[in-house]
Amino acid sequence: MRLPDDQLQRLALHSAFGLHLVAKWMATRSDVDPEIRDRLSVHMAALDGVLSANGHDWIREEIEGTEAALQGR
């Protein structure tokens, strides 16, 4: 399947925001394996970098908060 660039970008954004919501929820749970939390934190940092580099820095503070919560800070 090949998507037009605009649809591919929208799919990527919605996927990133969906992952952020899942990570934010997991950060509030005490029963999440620390390795999973650490790996999610790394992915959130990568998403933050890509989103910010592409003009979506308006969500940076929230993503950084989720990263910190995943790391127990």
C-alpha atoms as a PDB file:
ATOM      1  CA  MET A   1       0.000   0.000   0.000  1.00  0.00           C
ATOM      2  CA  ARG A   2       1.343   3.424  -0.910  1.00  0.00           C
ATOM      3  CA  LEU A   3      -0.179   6.480   0.724  1.00  0.00           C
ATOM      4  CA  PRO A   4       0.077  10.015  -0.602  1.00  0.00           C
ATOM      5  CA  ASP A   5       2.575  12.071   1.399  1.00  0.00           C
ATOM      6  CA  ASP A   6      -0.075  14.164   3.158  1.00  0.00           C
ATOM      7  CA  GLN A   7      -1.937  11.052   4.333  1.00  0.00           C
ATOM      8  CA  LEU A   8       1.317   9.407   5.388  1.00  0.00           C
ATOM      9  CA  GLN A   9       2.194  12.467   7.474  1.00  0.00           C
ATOM     10  CA  ARG A  10      -1.239  12.494   9.103  1.00  0.00           C
ATOM     11  CA  LEU A  11      -0.968   8.773   9.856  1.00  0.00           C
ATOM     12  CA  ALA A  12       2.459   9.315  11.430  1.00  0.00           C
ATOM     13  CA  LEU A  13       1.184  12.205  13.572  1.00  0.00           C
ATOM     14  CA  HIS A  14      -1.867  10.312  14.778  1.00  0.00           C
ATOM     15  CA  SER A  15       0.275   7.263  15.549  1.00  0.00           C
ATOM     16  CA  ALA A  16       2.752   9.391  17.500  1.00  0.00           C
ATOM     17  CA  PHE A  17       0.006  11.059  19.514  1.00  0.00           C
ATOM     18  CA  GLY A  18      -1.658   7.701  20.144  1.00  0.00           C
ATOM     19  CA  LEU A  19       1.602   6.262  21.444  1.00  0.00           C
ATOM     20  CA  HIS A  20       2.018   9.330  23.628  1.00  0.00           C
ATOM     21  CA  LEU A  21      -1.393   8.776  25.209  1.00  0.00           C
ATOM     22  CA  VAL A  22      -0.574   5.111  25.913  1.00  0.00           C
ATOM     23  CA  ALA A  23       2.824   6.059  27.359  1.00  0.00           C
ATOM     24  CA  LYS A  24       1.228   8.769  29.504  1.00  0.00           C
ATOM     25  CA  TRP A  25      -1.251   6.237  30.889  1.00  0.00           C
ATOM     26  CA  MET A  26       1.480   3.646  31.484  1.00  0.00           C
ATOM     27  CA  ALA A  27       3.550   6.229  33.366  1.00  0.00           C
ATOM     28  CA  THR A  28       0.801   6.376  36.008  1.00  0.00           C
ATOM     29  CA  ARG A  29       0.795   2.624  36.600  1.00  0.00           C
ATOM     30  CA  SER A  30       2.973   0.879  39.150  1.00  0.00           C
ATOM     31  CA  ASP A  31       2.634  -2.530  37.494  1.00  0.00           C
ATOM     32  CA  VAL A  32       4.531  -1.641  34.296  1.00  0.00           C
ATOM     33  CA  ASP A  33       7.883  -3.384  33.926  1.00  0.00           C
ATOM     34  CA  PRO A  34      10.751  -0.872  34.398  1.00  0.00           C
ATOM     35  CA  GLU A  35      12.344  -2.020  31.133  1.00  0.00           C
ATOM     36  CA  ILE A  36       9.143  -1.214  29.245  1.00  0.00           C
ATOM     37  CA  ARG A  37       8.992   2.205  30.915  1.00  0.00           C
ATOM     38  CA  ASP A  38      12.607   2.884  29.961  1.00  0.00           C
ATOM     39  CA  ARG A  39      12.097   1.820  26.357  1.00  0.00           C
ATOM     40  CA  LEU A  40       8.926   3.902  26.048  1.00  0.00           C
ATOM     41  CA  SER A  41      10.822   6.884  27.425  1.00  0.00           C
ATOM     42  CA  VAL A  42      13.458   6.493  24.696  1.00  0.00           C
ATOM     43  CA  HIS A  43      10.753   6.304  22.020  1.00  0.00           C
ATOM     44  CA  MET A  44       9.041   9.376  23.440  1.00  0.00           C
ATOM     45  CA  ALA A  45      12.335  11.293  23.280  1.00  0.00           C
ATOM     46  CA  ALA A  46      12.735  10.278  19.632  1.00  0.00           C
ATOM     47  CA  LEU A  47       9.174  11.338  18.816  1.00  0.00           C
ATOM     48  CA  ASP A  48       9.751  14.645  20.578  1.00  0.00           C
ATOM     49  CA  GLY A  49      12.821  15.291  18.438  1.00  0.00           C
ATOM     50  CA  VAL A  50      11.088  14.441  15.164  1.00  0.00           C
ATOM     51  CA  LEU A  51       7.918  16.374  15.990  1.00  0.00           C
ATOM     52  CA  SER A  52       9.861  19.437  17.115  1.00  0.00           C
ATOM     53  CA  ALA A  53      12.092  19.349  14.027  1.00  0.00           C
ATOM     54  CA  ASN A  54       8.969  19.336  11.866  1.00  0.00           C
ATOM     55  CA  GLY A  55       7.142  22.251  13.450  1.00  0.00           C
ATOM     56  CA  HIS A  56       5.155  20.448  16.135  1.00  0.00           C
ATOM     57  CA  ASP A  57       7.011  21.809  19.150  1.00  0.00           C
ATOM     58  CA  TRP A  58       3.720  22.867  20.755  1.00  0.00           C
ATOM     59  CA  ILE A  59       3.467  19.413  22.381  1.00  0.00           C
ATOM     60  CA  ARG A  60       7.102  19.271  23.554  1.00  0.00           C
ATOM     61  CA  GLU A  61       6.377  20.160  27.201  1.00  0.00           C
ATOM     62  CA  GLU A  62       3.717  17.460  27.511  1.00  0.00           C
ATOM     63  CA  ILE A  63       5.907  14.789  25.893  1.00  0.00           C
ATOM     64  CA  GLU A  64       8.849  15.724  28.112  1.00  0.00           C
ATOM     65  CA  GLY A  65       6.528  15.422  31.126  1.00  0.00           C
ATOM     66  CA  THR A  66       5.555  11.933  29.996  1.00  0.00           C
ATOM     67  CA  GLU A  67       9.225  11.014  29.532  1.00  0.00           C
ATOM     68  CA  ALA A  68      10.005  12.200  33.057  1.00  0.00           C
ATOM     69  CA  ALA A  69       7.031  10.305  34.513  1.00  0.00           C
ATOM     70  CA  LEU A  70       8.132   7.111  32.756  1.00  0.00           C
ATOM     71  CA  GLN A  71      11.582   7.542  34.287  1.00  0.00           C
ATOM     72  CA  GLY A  72      10.088   8.122  37.738  1.00  0.00           C
ATOM     73  CA  ARG A  73      11.189  11.762  37.962  1.00  0.00           C
END
